Amino acid sequence: MSMLDGVSQCWRLSDTCAVNWEAWAAIGTVAAVFAAVFAPVVQRWLVRKNANALFALAYRSDLLSSQIRLENVRNEFPFDGDDVAWAVEAMLEKEGAARQRLLSLSRGLDLLTKREVDMTKWPAVDLNLAAKVVMAMESARHFQMGAELFAEPPPNRNWVEMTASVAGTLSSALKDVNDATDAVMSAARRLRRKRKFKWLRS
């Protein structure tokens, strides 16, 4: 038995050995049905990949900038650990420069937090990718609110509670911004690969 038996049960073709055209027509019909059903799915998948890449490029730089600023806050201000509230309190009350630095880093997040994700403009974008960007924005906003209150506290402030609250919002903001940054960097790689292949073909 050879591979040619799949074309015809006899070989070579002759007057006594003909192709079964009805069988081949049935195979062709099945293939056409599969193409009609799955072609739109494949097309939508390709469109979504391209839309994800463009969406990622639109938010990538602001996410990266916010990631750096949040890392700087974590490195420069001792919000985590034991008895850190008093250290932060002393820093902010005795050093006006430290207070201004915290506010500067926090307000620099406006690049991200003042933006919004309008899905009517990105109807083909993967919702999971968009959700990660939205979560990063919301978490960074929450940290900004805490940082503003911390840098300019009310008279009846409780430093221990305020420090713990800001530490929590900072941790959440870092996690969500890191997750969103990883997601958009991964999505944006598609355009880089396409440019590379285009250059190789030219």
Protein backbone atom coordinates (compact mmCIF):
# COMPACT_ATOMS: atom_id res chain seq x y z
CA MET A 1 0.00 0.00 0.00
CA SER A 2 1.31 3.45 -0.87
CA MET A 3 0.31 7.05 -0.28
CA LEU A 4 -1.25 7.08 -3.74
CA ASP A 5 -3.92 4.67 -2.51
CA GLY A 6 -5.49 7.66 -0.77
CA VAL A 7 -6.09 9.22 -4.18
CA SER A 8 -7.42 6.16 -5.87
CA GLN A 9 -7.63 2.50 -4.93
CA CYS A 10 -6.09 1.56 -8.25
CA TRP A 11 -3.07 3.01 -9.93
CA ARG A 12 -2.22 4.15 -12.54
CA LEU A 13 -5.34 5.87 -13.82
CA SER A 14 -6.75 4.28 -16.94
CA ASP A 15 -10.05 3.34 -18.60
CA THR A 16 -10.58 0.68 -15.94
CA CYS A 17 -9.29 2.80 -13.04
CA ALA A 18 -10.83 6.26 -12.58
CA VAL A 19 -10.89 8.88 -9.86
CA ASN A 20 -13.97 8.79 -7.65
CA TRP A 21 -15.01 12.40 -8.21
CA GLU A 22 -18.04 12.15 -5.93
CA ALA A 23 -15.79 11.25 -3.00
CA TRP A 24 -13.43 14.11 -3.81
CA ALA A 25 -16.39 16.51 -4.11
CA ALA A 26 -17.56 15.47 -0.65
CA ILE A 27 -14.08 16.10 0.74
CA GLY A 28 -13.99 19.49 -0.97
CA THR A 29 -17.38 20.40 0.49
CA VAL A 30 -16.25 19.52 4.00
CA ALA A 31 -13.07 21.55 3.52
CA ALA A 32 -15.08 24.54 2.27
CA VAL A 33 -17.39 24.35 5.30
CA PHE A 34 -14.41 24.30 7.67
CA ALA A 35 -12.89 27.28 5.88
CA ALA A 36 -16.16 29.23 6.04
CA VAL A 37 -16.58 28.51 9.75
CA PHE A 38 -13.02 29.05 10.96
CA ALA A 39 -11.76 31.81 8.63
CA PRO A 40 -13.65 34.58 10.50
CA VAL A 41 -12.38 33.19 13.81
CA VAL A 42 -8.79 33.26 12.58
CA GLN A 43 -9.29 36.74 11.13
CA ARG A 44 -10.69 38.05 14.43
CA TRP A 45 -7.77 36.47 16.28
CA LEU A 46 -5.26 38.21 14.03
CA VAL A 47 -7.11 41.54 14.29
CA ARG A 48 -7.18 41.22 18.09
CA LYS A 49 -3.45 40.55 18.23
CA ASN A 50 -2.76 43.69 16.20
CA ALA A 51 -5.24 45.75 18.23
CA ASN A 52 -3.63 44.54 21.47
CA ALA A 53 -0.22 45.61 20.20
CA LEU A 54 -1.43 49.10 19.27
CA PHE A 55 -3.27 49.46 22.58
CA ALA A 56 -0.12 48.39 24.41
CA LEU A 57 1.98 51.00 22.63
CA ALA A 58 -0.52 53.69 23.62
CA TYR A 59 -0.03 52.99 27.35
CA ARG A 60 3.46 51.49 27.55
CA SER A 61 5.54 54.61 28.25
CA ASP A 62 3.18 55.91 30.96
CA LEU A 63 3.16 52.52 32.68
CA LEU A 64 6.95 52.31 32.58
CA SER A 65 7.26 55.82 33.98
CA SER A 66 4.82 55.02 36.79
CA GLN A 67 6.64 51.80 37.56
CA ILE A 68 9.91 53.71 38.04
CA ARG A 69 8.27 56.36 40.25
CA LEU A 70 6.61 53.79 42.49
CA GLU A 71 9.90 51.90 42.84
CA ASN A 72 11.56 55.17 43.85
CA VAL A 73 8.91 55.75 46.52
CA ARG A 74 9.47 52.27 47.91
CA ASN A 75 13.24 52.73 47.96
CA GLU A 76 13.29 56.27 49.38
CA PHE A 77 10.51 56.15 51.98
CA PRO A 78 10.43 53.48 54.73
CA PHE A 79 6.74 52.63 54.63
CA ASP A 80 7.30 48.89 55.25
CA GLY A 81 8.71 47.21 58.34
CA ASP A 82 8.49 47.54 62.11
CA ASP A 83 8.06 50.93 63.78
CA VAL A 84 8.56 52.75 60.49
CA ALA A 85 5.77 55.23 61.13
CA TRP A 86 7.93 57.26 63.44
CA ALA A 87 10.82 57.32 60.99
CA VAL A 88 8.59 58.56 58.20
CA GLU A 89 6.93 61.08 60.50
CA ALA A 90 10.31 62.49 61.50
CA MET A 91 11.44 62.62 57.89
CA LEU A 92 8.38 64.50 56.70
CA GLU A 93 8.10 66.87 59.64
CA LYS A 94 11.77 67.82 59.80
CA GLU A 95 12.66 67.75 56.13
CA GLY A 96 10.54 69.80 53.77
CA ALA A 97 12.55 68.39 50.87
CA ALA A 98 11.41 64.85 51.72
CA ARG A 99 7.77 65.95 51.73
CA GLN A 100 8.19 67.66 48.37
CA ARG A 101 9.96 64.61 46.97
CA LEU A 102 7.09 62.35 47.98
CA LEU A 103 4.56 64.72 46.45
CA SER A 104 6.62 65.03 43.29
CA LEU A 105 6.83 61.27 42.82
CA SER A 106 3.14 60.86 43.60
CA ARG A 107 1.97 63.64 41.29
CA GLY A 108 4.20 62.34 38.53
CA LEU A 109 1.83 59.39 38.35
CA ASP A 110 -0.68 61.75 36.72
CA LEU A 111 0.77 60.60 33.39
CA LEU A 112 -1.06 57.35 34.03
CA THR A 113 -3.85 58.20 36.45
CA LYS A 114 -5.25 61.10 34.42
CA ARG A 115 -5.76 58.79 31.48
CA GLU A 116 -8.70 56.48 30.89
CA VAL A 117 -9.44 53.39 28.87
CA ASP A 118 -12.31 54.02 26.44
CA MET A 119 -13.25 50.62 25.03
CA THR A 120 -15.42 52.24 22.37
CA LYS A 121 -12.14 53.32 20.78
CA TRP A 122 -10.58 49.85 21.23
CA PRO A 123 -13.43 47.40 20.52
CA ALA A 124 -11.11 44.62 19.34
CA VAL A 125 -8.73 44.72 22.31
CA ASP A 126 -8.59 41.76 24.66
CA LEU A 127 -10.60 42.63 27.78
CA ASN A 128 -8.06 40.97 30.06
CA LEU A 129 -5.32 43.28 28.76
CA ALA A 130 -7.52 46.36 29.11
CA ALA A 131 -8.56 45.30 32.63
CA LYS A 132 -4.93 45.10 33.75
CA VAL A 133 -4.29 48.65 32.54
CA VAL A 134 -7.44 49.92 34.28
CA MET A 135 -6.46 48.18 37.52
CA ALA A 136 -3.01 49.80 37.34
CA MET A 137 -4.62 53.22 36.93
CA GLU A 138 -7.00 52.72 39.85
CA SER A 139 -4.33 51.37 42.20
CA ALA A 140 -1.99 54.26 41.35
CA ARG A 141 -4.84 56.72 42.04
CA HIS A 142 -5.42 55.17 45.46
CA PHE A 143 -1.75 55.50 46.28
CA GLN A 144 -1.80 59.14 45.17
CA MET A 145 -4.67 59.89 47.53
CA GLY A 146 -2.82 58.30 50.43
CA ALA A 147 0.46 60.02 49.59
CA GLU A 148 -1.21 63.44 49.41
CA LEU A 149 -2.84 62.91 52.79
CA PHE A 150 0.39 61.59 54.25
CA ALA A 151 2.50 64.49 53.01
CA GLU A 152 -0.03 67.06 54.23
CA PRO A 153 -1.72 65.28 57.15
CA PRO A 154 -4.66 66.53 59.21
CA PRO A 155 -3.99 67.77 62.79
CA ASN A 156 -5.49 64.66 64.43
CA ARG A 157 -3.36 62.26 62.37
CA ASN A 158 -2.55 58.72 63.46
CA TRP A 159 0.88 58.04 61.96
CA VAL A 160 0.76 54.29 62.53
CA GLU A 161 -2.54 53.85 60.70
CA MET A 162 -1.61 56.30 57.96
CA THR A 163 1.74 54.62 57.35
CA ALA A 164 0.14 51.16 57.18
CA SER A 165 -2.52 52.47 54.80
CA VAL A 166 -0.02 54.11 52.46
CA ALA A 167 2.20 51.01 52.58
CA GLY A 168 -0.77 48.90 51.50
CA THR A 169 -1.76 51.17 48.63
CA LEU A 170 1.88 51.38 47.50
CA SER A 171 2.19 47.59 47.47
CA SER A 172 -1.06 47.21 45.48
CA ALA A 173 -0.05 49.94 43.03
CA LEU A 174 3.34 48.34 42.42
CA LYS A 175 1.80 44.91 41.82
CA ASP A 176 -0.91 46.16 39.46
CA VAL A 177 1.41 48.49 37.53
CA ASN A 178 4.00 45.72 37.19
CA ASP A 179 1.34 43.27 35.95
CA ALA A 180 0.01 45.79 33.43
CA THR A 181 3.51 46.69 32.26
CA ASP A 182 4.37 43.03 31.68
CA ALA A 183 1.12 42.54 29.75
CA VAL A 184 1.57 45.54 27.46
CA MET A 185 5.23 44.74 26.83
CA SER A 186 4.25 41.23 25.79
CA ALA A 187 1.47 42.51 23.51
CA ALA A 188 3.72 45.16 21.94
CA ARG A 189 6.30 42.55 20.90
CA ARG A 190 3.98 41.49 18.07
CA LEU A 191 4.60 44.73 16.18
CA ARG A 192 8.36 44.41 16.65
CA ARG A 193 8.26 40.89 15.24
CA LYS A 194 6.17 42.04 12.28
CA ARG A 195 8.64 44.83 11.50
CA LYS A 196 11.51 42.36 11.75
CA PHE A 197 9.89 39.90 9.35
CA LYS A 198 9.01 42.72 6.95
CA TRP A 199 12.67 43.82 6.94
CA LEU A 200 13.82 40.24 6.30
CA ARG A 201 11.45 39.89 3.35
CA SER A 202 12.50 43.17 1.76
